Amino acid sequence: MKALQFCTFALALAALAGCRSTYYGTMEKLGYHKRDLLIDRVQDARDTQQDAKEQFQSALEEFSAVVNSKGGQLEATYKKLKTELERSEAKAKAVRKHIDDVERVAEALFKEWQSELEQYKNDQLRALSEQKLGRTRQRYAKMIAAMQSAEMKIGPVLDAFGDQVLFLKHNLNAQALASLHSELVTVETDIAGLIREMEASIAEANAFIDAMGQD
């Protein structure tokens, strides 16, 4: 964990300096190669998706509770849903950021790996390394596709949830609350689909991490 925190801090410094290659070079001198960094980034992205999944489940539970309530303090009801929306939006941003981090490190790793194939003098070793690169690329492509697919479903869910919260804001009455009941099934379906996509993405991330540790 400490090593990962240090990597994150070093990346922030490198970003400020505007030189990612300097960051990678510094980390390699400290014993953290791009392969290690990629695994760390995938773990971060997986954990962030898990957090987001739990947040969307919480938002759905709150929305369901509000819709099925008998009214009461509608201002308080609106504030609860708004808080859930804001938390969901924050988790969505974190998911996007960590996917971007994974893509940047993967691009650097594969570029370096491909260029280093030319340095081999032994044809057999070159072929073995090239085969391993191909396997890693295939696993990565499958994993990142799952991450991107899950992330793409977040936007529409947030848009729909945001519409419900905005509608309630300007219609704080029992009739407005009752009108949201018809949207509950749609919201439940959308969030259930998103959670399935996230679970599939998390599973692909775990498979990728396991394979990188064994290969």
Protein backbone atom coordinates (compact mmCIF):
# COMPACT_ATOMS: atom_id res chain seq x y z
CA MET A 1 0.00 0.00 0.00
CA LYS A 2 2.80 2.41 0.87
CA ALA A 3 4.51 1.64 -2.43
CA LEU A 4 1.28 2.28 -4.29
CA GLN A 5 0.76 5.58 -2.49
CA PHE A 6 4.29 6.60 -3.35
CA CYS A 7 3.69 5.72 -7.00
CA THR A 8 0.58 7.86 -7.04
CA PHE A 9 2.42 10.78 -5.48
CA ALA A 10 5.30 10.43 -7.94
CA LEU A 11 2.86 10.35 -10.85
CA ALA A 12 1.29 13.60 -9.66
CA LEU A 13 4.71 15.24 -9.52
CA ALA A 14 5.58 13.99 -12.97
CA ALA A 15 2.28 15.26 -14.36
CA LEU A 16 3.02 18.69 -12.93
CA ALA A 17 6.41 18.57 -14.56
CA GLY A 18 4.75 17.56 -17.83
CA CYS A 19 7.06 14.62 -18.45
CA ARG A 20 5.64 11.13 -18.05
CA SER A 21 8.82 9.51 -19.36
CA THR A 22 10.73 11.05 -16.46
CA TYR A 23 8.25 9.51 -14.06
CA TYR A 24 8.59 6.05 -15.58
CA GLY A 25 12.37 6.33 -15.59
CA THR A 26 12.42 7.37 -11.94
CA MET A 27 10.11 4.54 -10.93
CA GLU A 28 12.21 1.97 -12.77
CA LYS A 29 15.29 3.12 -10.89
CA LEU A 30 13.33 2.56 -7.70
CA GLY A 31 12.39 -0.95 -8.83
CA TYR A 32 8.86 -0.27 -10.08
CA HIS A 33 8.62 -1.26 -13.73
CA LYS A 34 5.74 -0.49 -16.09
CA ARG A 35 4.41 -4.03 -15.65
CA ASP A 36 4.19 -3.47 -11.89
CA LEU A 37 2.59 -0.07 -12.38
CA LEU A 38 0.01 -1.52 -14.76
CA ILE A 39 -1.01 -4.13 -12.20
CA ASP A 40 -1.31 -1.38 -9.56
CA ARG A 41 -3.45 0.74 -11.88
CA VAL A 42 -5.72 -2.19 -12.73
CA GLN A 43 -6.15 -2.91 -9.03
CA ASP A 44 -7.06 0.75 -8.44
CA ALA A 45 -9.57 0.71 -11.30
CA ARG A 46 -11.11 -2.53 -10.03
CA ASP A 47 -11.45 -1.19 -6.48
CA THR A 48 -12.94 2.07 -7.75
CA GLN A 49 -15.52 0.17 -9.79
CA GLN A 50 -16.40 -1.86 -6.71
CA ASP A 51 -16.92 1.38 -4.77
CA ALA A 52 -19.04 2.78 -7.59
CA LYS A 53 -21.13 -0.38 -7.76
CA GLU A 54 -21.88 -0.15 -4.04
CA GLN A 55 -22.74 3.54 -4.37
CA PHE A 56 -25.20 2.94 -7.20
CA GLN A 57 -26.79 0.16 -5.16
CA SER A 58 -27.14 2.62 -2.29
CA ALA A 59 -28.65 5.23 -4.61
CA LEU A 60 -31.18 2.72 -5.90
CA GLU A 61 -32.15 1.71 -2.37
CA GLU A 62 -32.64 5.35 -1.40
CA PHE A 63 -34.67 6.10 -4.52
CA SER A 64 -36.85 3.04 -3.90
CA ALA A 65 -37.37 4.01 -0.27
CA VAL A 66 -38.35 7.55 -1.27
CA VAL A 67 -40.75 6.44 -3.98
CA ASN A 68 -42.43 3.91 -1.70
CA SER A 69 -42.71 6.33 1.20
CA LYS A 70 -45.93 8.12 2.11
CA GLY A 71 -44.49 11.57 1.78
CA GLY A 72 -43.45 13.32 4.95
CA GLN A 73 -40.67 15.87 4.83
CA LEU A 74 -40.31 16.32 1.07
CA GLU A 75 -37.46 18.81 1.40
CA ALA A 76 -35.49 16.26 3.42
CA THR A 77 -36.40 13.60 0.87
CA TYR A 78 -35.05 15.72 -1.96
CA LYS A 79 -31.81 16.38 -0.07
CA LYS A 80 -31.27 12.66 0.50
CA LEU A 81 -31.62 11.89 -3.19
CA LYS A 82 -29.43 14.85 -4.16
CA THR A 83 -26.70 13.58 -1.84
CA GLU A 84 -26.88 10.12 -3.41
CA LEU A 85 -26.67 11.70 -6.88
CA GLU A 86 -23.60 13.75 -5.94
CA ARG A 87 -21.87 10.72 -4.45
CA SER A 88 -22.66 8.70 -7.57
CA GLU A 89 -21.28 11.45 -9.81
CA ALA A 90 -18.07 11.55 -7.77
CA LYS A 91 -17.66 7.78 -8.05
CA ALA A 92 -18.26 8.00 -11.80
CA LYS A 93 -15.45 10.55 -12.17
CA ALA A 94 -13.13 8.33 -10.15
CA VAL A 95 -13.90 5.35 -12.38
CA ARG A 96 -13.11 7.36 -15.53
CA LYS A 97 -9.86 8.66 -14.05
CA HIS A 98 -8.61 5.22 -13.08
CA ILE A 99 -9.48 3.74 -16.47
CA ASP A 100 -7.48 6.57 -18.07
CA ASP A 101 -4.56 5.73 -15.75
CA VAL A 102 -4.68 2.09 -16.82
CA GLU A 103 -4.71 3.03 -20.51
CA ARG A 104 -1.73 5.38 -20.18
CA VAL A 105 0.48 2.86 -18.41
CA ALA A 106 -0.57 0.04 -20.75
CA GLU A 107 0.28 2.14 -23.80
CA ALA A 108 3.73 2.90 -22.39
CA LEU A 109 4.35 -0.73 -21.44
CA PHE A 110 3.37 -2.18 -24.81
CA LYS A 111 5.34 0.45 -26.72
CA GLU A 112 8.47 -0.27 -24.69
CA TRP A 113 8.00 -4.04 -24.88
CA GLN A 114 7.56 -3.96 -28.66
CA SER A 115 10.65 -1.81 -29.19
CA GLU A 116 12.79 -4.00 -26.94
CA LEU A 117 12.09 -7.07 -29.05
CA GLU A 118 14.64 -5.73 -31.53
CA GLN A 119 17.34 -5.83 -28.86
CA TYR A 120 17.38 -9.63 -28.61
CA LYS A 121 20.28 -11.46 -30.18
CA ASN A 122 18.74 -14.84 -29.42
CA ASP A 123 15.89 -15.59 -31.85
CA GLN A 124 14.25 -18.12 -29.55
CA LEU A 125 14.11 -15.71 -26.61
CA ARG A 126 12.79 -12.98 -28.90
CA ALA A 127 10.02 -15.29 -30.09
CA LEU A 128 9.09 -16.26 -26.53
CA SER A 129 8.93 -12.61 -25.47
CA GLU A 130 6.85 -11.73 -28.52
CA GLN A 131 4.41 -14.51 -27.73
CA LYS A 132 4.10 -13.31 -24.14
CA LEU A 133 3.51 -9.76 -25.37
CA GLY A 134 0.75 -11.03 -27.64
CA ARG A 135 -0.94 -12.91 -24.80
CA THR A 136 -0.72 -9.89 -22.52
CA ARG A 137 -2.18 -7.62 -25.17
CA GLN A 138 -5.10 -9.99 -25.72
CA ARG A 139 -5.84 -10.20 -22.01
CA TYR A 140 -5.55 -6.45 -21.67
CA ALA A 141 -7.85 -5.81 -24.64
CA LYS A 142 -10.53 -8.03 -23.13
CA MET A 143 -10.21 -6.39 -19.73
CA ILE A 144 -10.16 -2.77 -20.90
CA ALA A 145 -13.15 -3.43 -23.17
CA ALA A 146 -15.10 -4.65 -20.14
CA MET A 147 -14.07 -1.58 -18.14
CA GLN A 148 -15.06 0.78 -20.93
CA SER A 149 -18.36 -1.00 -21.48
CA ALA A 150 -19.26 -0.62 -17.80
CA GLU A 151 -18.13 3.00 -17.72
CA MET A 152 -20.25 3.87 -20.76
CA LYS A 153 -23.38 2.74 -18.94
CA ILE A 154 -22.77 5.09 -16.04
CA GLY A 155 -23.61 8.28 -17.95
CA PRO A 156 -27.17 7.32 -18.96
CA VAL A 157 -27.90 6.07 -15.44
CA LEU A 158 -26.67 9.33 -13.92
CA ASP A 159 -28.67 11.36 -16.45
CA ALA A 160 -31.88 9.51 -15.62
CA PHE A 161 -31.30 9.71 -11.87
CA GLY A 162 -30.41 13.38 -12.17
CA ASP A 163 -33.67 14.08 -13.99
CA GLN A 164 -35.66 12.52 -11.16
CA VAL A 165 -33.83 14.54 -8.53
CA LEU A 166 -34.24 17.77 -10.51
CA PHE A 167 -37.94 17.11 -11.04
CA LEU A 168 -38.44 16.54 -7.33
CA LYS A 169 -36.54 19.74 -6.50
CA HIS A 170 -39.08 21.89 -8.33
CA ASN A 171 -42.12 19.82 -7.37
CA LEU A 172 -41.94 19.21 -3.65
CA ASN A 173 -45.39 17.74 -3.21
CA ALA A 174 -46.98 14.35 -2.74
CA GLN A 175 -48.25 14.26 -6.31
CA ALA A 176 -44.73 14.68 -7.68
CA LEU A 177 -43.47 11.94 -5.39
CA ALA A 178 -46.21 9.63 -6.62
CA SER A 179 -45.28 10.37 -10.24
CA LEU A 180 -41.78 9.07 -9.62
CA HIS A 181 -43.21 5.66 -8.82
CA SER A 182 -43.67 4.94 -12.52
CA GLU A 183 -39.94 5.53 -13.04
CA LEU A 184 -38.83 3.09 -10.36
CA VAL A 185 -38.86 0.02 -12.60
CA THR A 186 -36.82 1.81 -15.27
CA VAL A 187 -34.28 3.04 -12.73
CA GLU A 188 -34.05 -0.43 -11.17
CA THR A 189 -33.50 -2.00 -14.59
CA ASP A 190 -30.85 0.53 -15.62
CA ILE A 191 -28.89 0.24 -12.38
CA ALA A 192 -29.16 -3.56 -12.38
CA GLY A 193 -27.68 -3.58 -15.89
CA LEU A 194 -24.90 -1.24 -14.81
CA ILE A 195 -24.07 -3.40 -11.80
CA ARG A 196 -23.88 -6.51 -13.99
CA GLU A 197 -21.47 -4.73 -16.33
CA MET A 198 -19.35 -3.59 -13.37
CA GLU A 199 -19.24 -7.08 -11.90
CA ALA A 200 -18.12 -8.45 -15.26
CA SER A 201 -15.45 -5.74 -15.48
CA ILE A 202 -14.23 -6.47 -11.95
CA ALA A 203 -14.01 -10.17 -12.80
CA GLU A 204 -11.96 -9.39 -15.92
CA ALA A 205 -9.64 -7.18 -13.88
CA ASN A 206 -9.10 -9.97 -11.36
CA ALA A 207 -8.40 -12.45 -14.17
CA PHE A 208 -5.90 -10.05 -15.73
CA ILE A 209 -4.10 -9.47 -12.41
CA ASP A 210 -3.93 -13.24 -11.75
CA ALA A 211 -2.59 -13.92 -15.24
CA MET A 212 0.06 -11.20 -14.95
CA GLY A 213 1.19 -12.77 -11.69
CA GLN A 214 1.51 -16.22 -13.24
CA ASP A 215 2.90 -15.39 -16.68
